[in-house]
Amino acid sequence: MSTNGKTLGVLKPLLLAALVSAISACSSLPSGEAAAPAVAAPLKAGELPRLPEKAINIEDRWSVSIGNGAGGEALSLEPAVQAPAIYVASRNGVVKSIGRASGTERWEIKLTDGVTGGVAVDDDLLIVGTDQSDLLAINNKNGKPVWRAPLGSALLSTPRINAKVVVVQTLDGRVQVFERTTGKRRWQFDTPVPPLSLRGNAAPVISNDKLYAVSGQGDLYQLDLATGLPIWQTRVTNSRGRGEIERLMDIDGDLVLDSNGTLYTAGFQSQLTATDTQQVRRRWQLNVSTTQSVGVDNAQVYAVDVDGTLAAVNRITGALVWKQESLKGRKLLAPVIWRGLVVVGDSEGYLHMFSPVDGAVRGRERAARDPLMSVMVDAPQLLTLTVDGTLRAWDMKL
């Protein structure tokens, strides 16, 4: 959390956990007319929902340990996939390349710096942000450093990379673009940071010759990728509270851009918004409070509230399709779409599987005894990464 321009990095995990837990007692999904959230007693996780008679079962294919995971900090270090490998990093600087099919280690390095943001990967580069506020590029074939560039502020989100540039948005709100081959900074664009916000930010989105990024105050920008000049700016979230804490809002979940040019943003104590980036207009908006990204399929958008509610919303109209409240108090991760199911991980190490049609419980698996840090799809398998650094691959049990 930052206040008066000063980052309270050491206190952040405790402050954020306390704040989110307190506010999570009041769900804001999915009504567009819901009252602003009020601070209340933290929700406790209830009993797990009953499984159907013919529950879907999954089994682990392999697992591997990656350093110290999040190192006890409130980080979200996501694996990255570039065939034939999965790349993953830990807070204490361990970076590994793992074979997708077998889980066999291809190479491992131990950085002198810790890692706070990443991982991004393409054909031959791997990109992470370090705890020295540097951007580090590594050869993904052998683990050797390629270049290093100073950022001037912490990077907690995942870098974005294409054939020419690497893009990041740092904690101080700056969008920075670097030459992919040399690490030379091309340009930077400053976005405003509110006096009080969560310590984190959404990763930008690259789309052809355009770049999309959001500010901590709820503005969405379309920037020219070559020059950094703003093309347009529009408001996508607004504070809904009365007091200073209730007015706190932020967008920490990554932006999601669909094939039709609709961009989805979701924030803490604010709104889930669908923005038509071609006509620069809001398609729909509803109140939500989340620190996670949304999941999107051909028909629906899936979002989790900080209280543990999972909801499906019509992608075109924004109308509620269903709401699943059986996981309240479980601190859910971002929903993913896998093998025709909506899958969410939680703070107790469970994977929960739901029908996208009606939200019915379809299956459950205790993936770990530790909280999950990341759940991602690497078709046909599912990957989970725990806060202690255990990476595991899952598949359907036949």
Protein backbone atom coordinates (compact mmCIF):
# COMPACT_ATOMS: atom_id res chain seq x y z
CA MET A 1 0.00 0.00 0.00
CA SER A 2 1.24 3.47 -0.70
CA THR A 3 0.31 6.52 1.20
CA ASN A 4 1.47 10.11 0.67
CA GLY A 5 3.79 8.83 -2.04
CA LYS A 6 5.63 6.47 0.33
CA THR A 7 5.47 2.73 -0.22
CA LEU A 8 4.90 0.67 2.92
CA GLY A 9 6.48 -2.43 1.36
CA VAL A 10 7.21 -4.26 4.60
CA LEU A 11 3.70 -3.82 5.96
CA LYS A 12 1.95 -4.50 2.69
CA PRO A 13 1.10 -8.21 3.09
CA LEU A 14 -0.40 -7.67 6.55
CA LEU A 15 -2.20 -4.45 5.68
CA LEU A 16 -3.62 -5.82 2.46
CA ALA A 17 -4.73 -9.08 4.06
CA ALA A 18 -6.44 -7.26 6.89
CA LEU A 19 -8.09 -4.74 4.62
CA VAL A 20 -9.31 -7.24 2.04
CA SER A 21 -10.49 -9.64 4.75
CA ALA A 22 -12.46 -6.93 6.50
CA ILE A 23 -14.07 -5.55 3.37
CA SER A 24 -14.71 -9.01 1.88
CA ALA A 25 -17.62 -9.52 4.24
CA CYS A 26 -19.70 -7.41 1.84
CA SER A 27 -19.88 -8.77 -1.70
CA SER A 28 -20.54 -6.33 -4.53
CA LEU A 29 -21.16 -8.88 -7.27
CA PRO A 30 -23.12 -8.54 -9.43
CA SER A 31 -25.62 -5.73 -8.93
CA GLY A 32 -24.88 -2.47 -10.69
CA GLU A 33 -26.75 -0.60 -7.97
CA ALA A 34 -25.09 -2.14 -4.91
CA ALA A 35 -24.19 0.14 -2.05
CA ALA A 36 -20.56 0.94 -1.37
CA PRO A 37 -18.83 -1.77 0.68
CA ALA A 38 -18.60 -1.26 4.41
CA VAL A 39 -15.89 -2.58 6.71
CA ALA A 40 -17.17 -5.65 8.54
CA ALA A 41 -15.92 -8.74 10.33
CA PRO A 42 -13.76 -10.96 8.07
CA LEU A 43 -15.54 -13.93 6.54
CA LYS A 44 -14.50 -17.38 7.61
CA ALA A 45 -14.39 -20.17 5.07
CA GLY A 46 -17.41 -22.43 5.43
CA GLU A 47 -17.84 -26.08 4.58
CA LEU A 48 -16.81 -27.16 1.12
CA PRO A 49 -19.74 -27.51 -1.30
CA ARG A 50 -21.11 -30.99 -1.85
CA LEU A 51 -19.73 -32.79 -4.90
CA PRO A 52 -22.05 -34.32 -7.49
CA GLU A 53 -22.37 -38.09 -7.72
CA LYS A 54 -20.29 -38.16 -10.90
CA ALA A 55 -17.69 -35.59 -9.97
CA ILE A 56 -14.86 -34.76 -12.34
CA ASN A 57 -11.52 -35.96 -11.02
CA ILE A 58 -8.07 -34.73 -11.96
CA GLU A 59 -4.63 -36.17 -11.26
CA ASP A 60 -1.15 -34.68 -11.06
CA ARG A 61 1.28 -35.58 -13.83
CA TRP A 62 4.43 -34.20 -12.21
CA SER A 63 5.62 -31.64 -9.69
CA VAL A 64 8.81 -29.66 -9.11
CA SER A 65 10.04 -27.26 -6.43
CA ILE A 66 10.98 -23.67 -7.39
CA GLY A 67 13.09 -21.88 -4.77
CA ASN A 68 11.14 -20.29 -1.95
CA GLY A 69 8.05 -19.42 -4.00
CA ALA A 70 6.68 -16.03 -2.97
CA GLY A 71 9.06 -15.87 0.00
CA GLY A 72 6.27 -14.97 2.40
CA GLU A 73 5.35 -11.85 0.43
CA ALA A 74 2.11 -10.96 -1.33
CA LEU A 75 3.43 -11.63 -4.82
CA SER A 76 1.95 -13.29 -7.89
CA LEU A 77 4.83 -14.86 -9.80
CA GLU A 78 3.16 -16.58 -12.72
CA PRO A 79 4.79 -19.32 -14.82
CA ALA A 80 5.21 -18.70 -18.54
CA VAL A 81 4.98 -21.27 -21.33
CA GLN A 82 6.96 -21.37 -24.56
CA ALA A 83 7.09 -24.83 -26.10
CA PRO A 84 8.72 -27.09 -25.19
CA ALA A 85 9.24 -25.56 -21.75
CA ILE A 86 7.61 -23.89 -18.76
CA TYR A 87 9.58 -21.08 -17.14
CA VAL A 88 9.12 -20.12 -13.52
CA ALA A 89 10.89 -17.94 -10.92
CA SER A 90 10.89 -17.56 -7.14
CA ARG A 91 11.25 -14.58 -4.83
CA ASN A 92 14.80 -15.60 -3.83
CA GLY A 93 16.01 -15.54 -7.44
CA VAL A 94 15.75 -19.16 -8.55
CA VAL A 95 14.73 -19.38 -12.23
CA LYS A 96 14.03 -22.72 -13.88
CA SER A 97 13.16 -24.09 -17.29
CA ILE A 98 10.98 -27.18 -16.98
CA GLY A 99 9.94 -29.64 -19.70
CA ARG A 100 6.18 -29.30 -20.26
CA ALA A 101 5.46 -32.97 -20.79
CA SER A 102 7.69 -34.58 -18.15
CA GLY A 103 8.48 -31.89 -15.57
CA THR A 104 12.19 -32.57 -16.16
CA GLU A 105 14.51 -29.69 -15.35
CA ARG A 106 16.15 -28.27 -18.49
CA TRP A 107 18.24 -25.64 -16.70
CA GLU A 108 18.34 -23.67 -13.44
CA ILE A 109 20.03 -20.45 -12.43
CA LYS A 110 20.26 -18.56 -9.13
CA LEU A 111 20.20 -14.81 -9.59
CA THR A 112 22.05 -12.52 -7.19
CA ASP A 113 18.84 -10.44 -7.04
CA GLY A 114 15.43 -11.56 -5.91
CA VAL A 115 12.47 -11.62 -8.30
CA THR A 116 9.30 -9.57 -7.77
CA GLY A 117 7.63 -9.54 -11.20
CA GLY A 118 7.21 -11.99 -14.06
CA VAL A 119 7.66 -14.31 -15.82
CA ALA A 120 7.37 -13.26 -19.50
CA VAL A 121 8.83 -15.34 -22.31
CA ASP A 122 9.02 -15.48 -26.11
CA ASP A 123 11.06 -17.45 -28.64
CA ASP A 124 14.43 -16.79 -27.03
CA LEU A 125 14.05 -14.32 -24.13
CA LEU A 126 12.79 -14.60 -20.57
CA ILE A 127 11.97 -11.37 -18.70
CA VAL A 128 11.65 -10.76 -14.94
CA GLY A 129 11.62 -7.78 -12.61
CA THR A 130 14.13 -7.84 -9.74
CA ASP A 131 14.03 -6.56 -6.18
CA GLN A 132 16.68 -4.01 -7.22
CA SER A 133 14.07 -2.39 -9.47
CA ASP A 134 15.74 -3.68 -12.60
CA LEU A 135 14.33 -5.40 -15.67
CA LEU A 136 16.36 -8.50 -16.48
CA ALA A 137 16.40 -10.35 -19.81
CA ILE A 138 17.68 -13.94 -19.85
CA ASN A 139 18.38 -16.31 -22.73
CA ASN A 140 15.61 -18.88 -22.31
CA LYS A 141 17.66 -21.62 -23.98
CA ASN A 142 20.51 -21.64 -21.47
CA GLY A 143 19.65 -19.24 -18.63
CA LYS A 144 22.43 -16.74 -19.38
CA PRO A 145 21.73 -13.01 -18.80
CA VAL A 146 21.31 -10.92 -21.97
CA TRP A 147 20.70 -7.40 -20.69
CA ARG A 148 19.62 -5.44 -17.63
CA ALA A 149 17.75 -2.12 -17.52
CA PRO A 150 16.97 0.11 -14.51
CA LEU A 151 13.27 0.74 -13.85
CA GLY A 152 13.46 3.26 -11.02
CA SER A 153 10.57 1.57 -9.19
CA ALA A 154 9.42 -1.91 -8.25
CA LEU A 155 7.84 -4.20 -10.84
CA LEU A 156 5.18 -6.48 -9.33
CA SER A 157 3.22 -7.37 -12.48
CA THR A 158 4.14 -9.47 -15.50
CA PRO A 159 6.09 -7.81 -18.33
CA ARG A 160 4.68 -7.95 -21.87
CA ILE A 161 6.87 -8.78 -24.84
CA ASN A 162 6.53 -8.86 -28.62
CA ALA A 163 8.93 -9.10 -31.56
CA LYS A 164 10.34 -5.59 -31.00
CA VAL A 165 9.75 -4.38 -27.43
CA VAL A 166 9.31 -5.27 -23.77
CA VAL A 167 6.61 -3.35 -21.89
CA VAL A 168 6.18 -2.93 -18.13
CA GLN A 169 4.19 -0.78 -15.73
CA THR A 170 5.97 -0.16 -12.46
CA LEU A 171 4.60 0.58 -9.02
CA ASP A 172 5.03 4.33 -9.45
CA GLY A 173 2.54 4.25 -12.36
CA ARG A 174 5.06 4.61 -15.18
CA VAL A 175 4.57 2.64 -18.38
CA GLN A 176 8.02 1.91 -19.79
CA VAL A 177 8.96 0.40 -23.15
CA PHE A 178 12.37 -1.14 -23.90
CA GLU A 179 14.11 -2.41 -27.01
CA ARG A 180 13.72 -6.17 -27.00
CA THR A 181 17.24 -6.93 -28.19
CA THR A 182 19.28 -4.35 -26.24
CA GLY A 183 17.18 -3.25 -23.25
CA LYS A 184 17.46 0.41 -24.27
CA ARG A 185 14.50 2.44 -23.05
CA ARG A 186 12.42 3.80 -25.93
CA TRP A 187 9.96 5.88 -23.95
CA GLN A 188 7.98 6.16 -20.74
CA PHE A 189 4.50 7.44 -19.96
CA ASP A 190 3.48 8.56 -16.49
CA THR A 191 0.07 7.64 -15.09
CA PRO A 192 -1.18 9.17 -11.83
CA VAL A 193 -0.97 7.20 -8.59
CA PRO A 194 -3.58 8.03 -5.92
CA PRO A 195 -2.50 8.96 -2.37
CA LEU A 196 -3.88 5.65 -1.09
CA SER A 197 -3.87 2.45 -3.15
CA LEU A 198 -3.05 -1.24 -3.01
CA ARG A 199 0.59 -2.07 -3.66
CA GLY A 200 0.34 -3.48 -7.16
CA ASN A 201 -0.82 -2.74 -10.67
CA ALA A 202 -2.24 -4.45 -13.73
CA ALA A 203 0.01 -5.60 -16.55
CA PRO A 204 -0.47 -3.63 -19.80
CA VAL A 205 -1.75 -5.23 -23.01
CA ILE A 206 -0.01 -5.02 -26.40
CA SER A 207 -2.32 -5.13 -29.43
CA ASN A 208 -0.61 -4.64 -32.81
CA ASP A 209 0.77 -1.10 -32.79
CA LYS A 210 -1.24 -0.02 -29.73
CA LEU A 211 -0.72 -0.43 -25.98
CA TYR A 212 -3.38 -0.40 -23.25
CA ALA A 213 -2.65 0.51 -19.63
CA VAL A 214 -4.62 1.67 -16.58
CA SER A 215 -3.82 4.11 -13.82
CA GLY A 216 -4.39 3.63 -10.11
CA GLN A 217 -7.10 6.29 -10.36
CA GLY A 218 -9.15 4.21 -12.80
CA ASP A 219 -8.28 5.67 -16.20
CA LEU A 220 -7.71 3.47 -19.24
CA TYR A 221 -5.19 4.68 -21.84
CA GLN A 222 -4.57 3.69 -25.43
CA LEU A 223 -0.97 4.59 -26.31
CA ASP A 224 0.95 4.48 -29.57
CA LEU A 225 3.41 1.61 -29.09
CA ALA A 226 6.12 3.25 -31.21
CA THR A 227 6.10 6.69 -29.59
CA GLY A 228 4.24 6.45 -26.27
CA LEU A 229 1.90 9.26 -27.27
CA PRO A 230 -1.63 8.93 -25.84
CA ILE A 231 -4.35 8.31 -28.42
CA TRP A 232 -7.29 8.38 -26.04
CA GLN A 233 -8.14 8.14 -22.35
CA THR A 234 -11.36 7.06 -20.68
CA ARG A 235 -12.54 6.41 -17.13
CA VAL A 236 -13.26 2.76 -16.33
CA THR A 237 -13.63 2.73 -12.52
CA ASN A 238 -14.92 5.07 -9.84
CA SER A 239 -14.70 5.06 -6.07
CA ARG A 240 -17.95 4.10 -4.33
CA GLY A 241 -17.20 4.78 -0.67
CA ARG A 242 -17.52 7.65 1.78
CA GLY A 243 -14.54 7.30 4.11
CA GLU A 244 -10.87 7.26 3.12
CA ILE A 245 -10.54 3.46 3.34
CA GLU A 246 -13.88 2.85 1.63
CA ARG A 247 -12.84 5.14 -1.22
CA LEU A 248 -9.63 3.15 -1.74
CA MET A 249 -9.72 1.52 -5.16
CA ASP A 250 -7.19 -0.03 -7.49
CA ILE A 251 -6.92 -2.26 -10.55
CA ASP A 252 -4.41 -5.02 -9.83
CA GLY A 253 -5.87 -7.79 -12.01
CA ASP A 254 -4.40 -7.90 -15.52
CA LEU A 255 -6.28 -6.32 -18.40
CA VAL A 256 -8.01 -8.76 -20.75
CA LEU A 257 -8.58 -7.87 -24.42
CA ASP A 258 -10.83 -10.16 -26.46
CA SER A 259 -10.74 -10.81 -30.21
CA ASN A 260 -13.55 -8.29 -30.82
CA GLY A 261 -11.62 -5.38 -29.32
CA THR A 262 -13.46 -5.32 -25.99
CA LEU A 263 -11.17 -4.74 -23.03
CA TYR A 264 -12.17 -5.92 -19.54
CA THR A 265 -10.96 -4.26 -16.35
CA ALA A 266 -11.88 -5.13 -12.77
CA GLY A 267 -10.79 -3.41 -9.60
CA PHE A 268 -10.83 -3.40 -5.83
CA GLN A 269 -13.89 -1.61 -4.43
CA SER A 270 -14.85 -0.38 -7.88
CA GLN A 271 -16.29 -1.93 -11.05
CA LEU A 272 -15.98 -4.61 -13.70
CA THR A 273 -16.05 -2.70 -16.98
CA ALA A 274 -16.22 -3.77 -20.62
CA THR A 275 -14.80 -1.07 -22.90
CA ASP A 276 -15.15 -1.02 -26.69
CA THR A 277 -11.63 0.05 -27.67
CA GLN A 278 -12.60 0.77 -31.29
CA GLN A 279 -15.42 3.18 -30.52
CA VAL A 280 -13.99 4.23 -27.13
CA ARG A 281 -17.20 3.69 -25.25
CA ARG A 282 -18.35 1.70 -22.28
CA ARG A 283 -20.31 -1.40 -23.28
CA TRP A 284 -21.41 -2.22 -19.75
CA GLN A 285 -20.32 -1.92 -16.14
CA LEU A 286 -21.24 -3.48 -12.80
CA ASN A 287 -19.98 -3.11 -9.26
CA VAL A 288 -17.27 -5.50 -8.12
CA SER A 289 -14.47 -5.66 -5.60
CA THR A 290 -11.59 -7.84 -6.70
CA THR A 291 -7.81 -7.93 -6.81
CA GLN A 292 -7.84 -10.65 -9.51
CA SER A 293 -8.03 -10.79 -13.29
CA VAL A 294 -11.21 -11.94 -15.00
CA GLY A 295 -11.64 -15.05 -17.14
CA VAL A 296 -13.27 -14.78 -20.56
CA ASP A 297 -14.67 -17.38 -22.95
CA ASN A 298 -16.81 -17.08 -26.08
CA ALA A 299 -19.98 -16.25 -24.16
CA GLN A 300 -19.18 -15.02 -20.67
CA VAL A 301 -16.89 -13.11 -18.35
CA TYR A 302 -16.05 -14.72 -14.99
CA ALA A 303 -15.05 -12.70 -11.94
CA VAL A 304 -14.35 -13.40 -8.28
CA ASP A 305 -15.22 -10.97 -5.52
CA VAL A 306 -12.95 -10.49 -2.50
CA ASP A 307 -15.60 -12.24 -0.38
CA GLY A 308 -15.24 -15.47 -2.41
CA THR A 309 -18.24 -15.09 -4.71
CA LEU A 310 -17.77 -16.34 -8.28
CA ALA A 311 -20.04 -14.86 -10.97
CA ALA A 312 -20.60 -15.32 -14.68
CA VAL A 313 -21.69 -12.32 -16.73
CA ASN A 314 -22.92 -12.19 -20.32
CA ARG A 315 -20.00 -10.91 -22.39
CA ILE A 316 -22.21 -8.79 -24.67
CA THR A 317 -24.80 -7.33 -22.30
CA GLY A 318 -23.17 -7.50 -18.86
CA ALA A 319 -26.24 -9.31 -17.49
CA LEU A 320 -25.71 -11.78 -14.65
CA VAL A 321 -25.88 -15.39 -15.83
CA TRP A 322 -25.21 -17.09 -12.50
CA LYS A 323 -23.57 -16.51 -9.14
CA GLN A 324 -21.81 -19.16 -7.01
CA GLU A 325 -21.53 -18.26 -3.32
CA SER A 326 -20.41 -21.59 -1.84
CA LEU A 327 -16.74 -20.53 -1.62
CA LYS A 328 -17.14 -17.40 0.49
CA GLY A 329 -14.16 -16.70 2.72
CA ARG A 330 -11.75 -18.77 0.62
CA LYS A 331 -9.75 -15.94 -1.03
CA LEU A 332 -10.10 -17.06 -4.62
CA LEU A 333 -7.60 -16.62 -7.42
CA ALA A 334 -8.48 -15.49 -10.93
CA PRO A 335 -10.83 -17.91 -12.73
CA VAL A 336 -9.49 -19.80 -15.76
CA ILE A 337 -11.31 -21.76 -18.46
CA TRP A 338 -9.99 -25.32 -18.78
CA ARG A 339 -11.43 -28.30 -20.64
CA GLY A 340 -14.93 -26.80 -20.67
CA LEU A 341 -14.86 -25.91 -16.96
CA VAL A 342 -14.46 -22.75 -14.89
CA VAL A 343 -11.60 -23.42 -12.46
CA VAL A 344 -10.57 -21.33 -9.46
CA GLY A 345 -7.89 -21.92 -6.86
CA ASP A 346 -8.08 -20.82 -3.25
CA SER A 347 -6.02 -19.95 -0.17
CA GLU A 348 -6.35 -23.47 1.26
CA GLY A 349 -4.81 -25.16 -1.78
CA TYR A 350 -8.04 -26.37 -3.40
CA LEU A 351 -8.96 -26.32 -7.07
CA HIS A 352 -12.71 -25.88 -7.59
CA MET A 353 -14.39 -26.77 -10.89
CA PHE A 354 -17.74 -25.39 -12.03
CA SER A 355 -20.02 -25.65 -15.03
CA PRO A 356 -19.90 -22.50 -17.18
CA VAL A 357 -23.58 -23.02 -18.02
CA ASP A 358 -25.13 -22.73 -14.56
CA GLY A 359 -22.26 -22.52 -12.05
CA ALA A 360 -22.95 -26.00 -10.68
CA VAL A 361 -20.13 -27.71 -8.81
CA ARG A 362 -18.47 -30.26 -11.10
CA GLY A 363 -15.37 -31.31 -9.14
CA ARG A 364 -12.70 -30.43 -6.60
CA GLU A 365 -9.09 -31.36 -5.88
CA ARG A 366 -6.78 -30.55 -2.98
CA ALA A 367 -3.85 -29.43 -5.09
CA ALA A 368 -1.63 -28.45 -2.16
CA ARG A 369 -1.55 -27.89 1.59
CA ASP A 370 -0.24 -24.39 1.03
CA PRO A 371 -2.17 -21.50 -0.55
CA LEU A 372 -2.11 -21.39 -4.32
CA MET A 373 -0.34 -18.40 -5.88
CA SER A 374 -1.20 -19.04 -9.53
CA VAL A 375 -3.45 -21.27 -11.65
CA MET A 376 -2.97 -21.21 -15.42
CA VAL A 377 -3.90 -23.24 -18.47
CA ASP A 378 -1.20 -24.93 -20.53
CA ALA A 379 -3.47 -26.94 -22.80
CA PRO A 380 -4.17 -29.75 -22.43
CA GLN A 381 -2.85 -29.57 -18.86
CA LEU A 382 -3.49 -27.23 -15.94
CA LEU A 383 -0.64 -25.71 -13.93
CA THR A 384 -0.69 -24.70 -10.27
CA LEU A 385 2.02 -22.83 -8.36
CA THR A 386 1.89 -22.55 -4.57
CA VAL A 387 3.24 -19.78 -2.38
CA ASP A 388 5.98 -22.14 -1.20
CA GLY A 389 7.15 -22.73 -4.79
CA THR A 390 5.65 -26.07 -5.80
CA LEU A 391 4.79 -26.19 -9.51
CA ARG A 392 2.44 -29.02 -10.46
CA ALA A 393 0.84 -30.14 -13.75
CA TRP A 394 -2.68 -31.63 -13.77
CA ASP A 395 -4.80 -33.54 -16.26
CA MET A 396 -8.25 -35.12 -16.32
CA LYS A 397 -8.44 -38.51 -14.61
CA LEU A 398 -10.00 -40.99 -17.03
